[in-house]
Amino acid sequence: MKNNSKEIVLDFKLPGFKREDIHINIGKRSVVIKAKKKERNRVQKRDFFHEERASRAFNYTTTLPEVNPEKARIDFNKGRLHIEIPKAMTKKSK
């Protein structure tokens, strides 16, 4: 996670996952990322039967300074998830 004066930037490597496997929830002070994938490989021949099942999961939750979730930018390309969340503008007291 990178935290600069204007935004929060999150980068994750999620090889093997597709975009539809990933669920992202960005709130005003938190982000939750969950990914889940189930695979099934079945080989059946005349005298032979083999079946494999695998399940993979990824979960990430963190608190953030106050952000503007409506303006978040999310990109998922070739197993790399990149999220940019602008910080909320705060009014300074006089």
Protein backbone atom coordinates (compact mmCIF):
# COMPACT_ATOMS: atom_id res chain seq x y z
CA MET A 1 0.00 0.00 0.00
CA LYS A 2 1.26 3.45 -0.92
CA ASN A 3 -0.13 6.44 0.90
CA ASN A 4 0.61 9.87 -0.54
CA SER A 5 -1.05 13.24 0.03
CA LYS A 6 -3.73 12.72 -2.66
CA GLU A 7 -4.50 9.00 -2.79
CA ILE A 8 -4.05 5.45 -1.54
CA VAL A 9 -2.60 2.98 -4.04
CA LEU A 10 -2.92 -0.78 -3.59
CA ASP A 11 -1.20 -3.41 -5.78
CA PHE A 12 -1.72 -7.17 -5.61
CA LYS A 13 -0.51 -10.10 -7.68
CA LEU A 14 -3.34 -12.60 -8.10
CA PRO A 15 -2.15 -15.10 -10.73
CA GLY A 16 -4.71 -17.66 -11.82
CA PHE A 17 -7.71 -15.56 -10.82
CA LYS A 18 -10.13 -14.01 -13.31
CA ARG A 19 -11.88 -10.66 -12.83
CA GLU A 20 -15.16 -12.41 -12.02
CA ASP A 21 -13.43 -14.31 -9.15
CA ILE A 22 -12.59 -11.04 -7.35
CA HIS A 23 -14.94 -9.00 -5.15
CA ILE A 24 -13.91 -5.54 -3.94
CA ASN A 25 -15.72 -3.41 -1.37
CA ILE A 26 -14.35 0.09 -0.77
CA GLY A 27 -15.85 2.11 2.07
CA LYS A 28 -15.01 5.59 3.34
CA ARG A 29 -12.42 4.17 5.76
CA SER A 30 -11.77 0.59 4.66
CA VAL A 31 -11.21 -1.77 1.76
CA VAL A 32 -12.06 -5.47 1.57
CA ILE A 33 -10.80 -7.66 -1.27
CA LYS A 34 -11.85 -11.29 -1.62
CA ALA A 35 -11.02 -13.73 -4.38
CA LYS A 36 -12.10 -17.35 -4.60
CA LYS A 37 -11.64 -19.94 -7.29
CA LYS A 38 -12.54 -23.60 -7.50
CA GLU A 39 -11.08 -25.90 -10.10
CA ARG A 40 -12.01 -29.39 -11.10
CA ASN A 41 -10.06 -31.62 -13.46
CA ARG A 42 -11.55 -34.91 -14.51
CA VAL A 43 -10.03 -37.57 -16.77
CA GLN A 44 -12.08 -40.60 -17.66
CA LYS A 45 -10.92 -43.28 -20.03
CA ARG A 46 -12.08 -46.80 -20.63
CA ASP A 47 -10.11 -48.38 -17.76
CA PHE A 48 -9.11 -45.29 -15.86
CA PHE A 49 -10.75 -42.50 -13.88
CA HIS A 50 -8.95 -39.61 -12.17
CA GLU A 51 -10.42 -36.50 -10.57
CA GLU A 52 -8.68 -33.53 -8.94
CA ARG A 53 -10.30 -30.66 -7.08
CA ALA A 54 -8.58 -27.50 -5.93
CA SER A 55 -9.73 -24.37 -4.18
CA ARG A 56 -7.84 -21.09 -3.88
CA ALA A 57 -8.75 -18.04 -1.85
CA PHE A 58 -7.35 -14.59 -1.17
CA ASN A 59 -8.63 -12.19 1.51
CA TYR A 60 -7.37 -8.71 2.34
CA THR A 61 -8.91 -6.15 4.69
CA THR A 62 -7.44 -2.88 5.92
CA THR A 63 -8.49 0.42 7.40
CA LEU A 64 -7.75 3.61 5.51
CA PRO A 65 -7.72 7.32 6.15
CA GLU A 66 -10.96 8.88 4.92
CA VAL A 67 -11.22 8.27 1.17
CA ASN A 68 -13.68 8.93 -1.64
CA PRO A 69 -14.77 5.40 -2.71
CA GLU A 70 -16.99 6.66 -5.56
CA LYS A 71 -13.92 7.91 -7.43
CA ALA A 72 -11.77 4.79 -6.99
CA ARG A 73 -10.04 3.45 -10.09
CA ILE A 74 -9.63 -0.31 -10.38
CA ASP A 75 -7.62 -2.17 -13.00
CA PHE A 76 -7.12 -5.92 -13.28
CA ASN A 77 -4.78 -7.11 -16.02
CA LYS A 78 -2.76 -10.32 -16.37
CA GLY A 79 -3.14 -11.28 -12.70
CA ARG A 80 -2.29 -7.82 -11.34
CA LEU A 81 -4.89 -5.89 -9.36
CA HIS A 82 -4.22 -2.15 -9.13
CA ILE A 83 -6.49 0.16 -7.10
CA GLU A 84 -6.20 3.93 -6.72
CA ILE A 85 -8.50 5.57 -4.15
CA PRO A 86 -8.50 9.38 -3.85
CA LYS A 87 -8.42 10.73 -0.33
CA ALA A 88 -11.45 12.70 0.83
CA MET A 89 -11.00 16.43 0.89
CA THR A 90 -11.19 17.72 4.44
CA LYS A 91 -12.20 21.22 5.38
CA LYS A 92 -9.67 22.95 7.59
CA SER A 93 -10.98 24.76 10.64
CA LYS A 94 -10.15 28.43 11.00
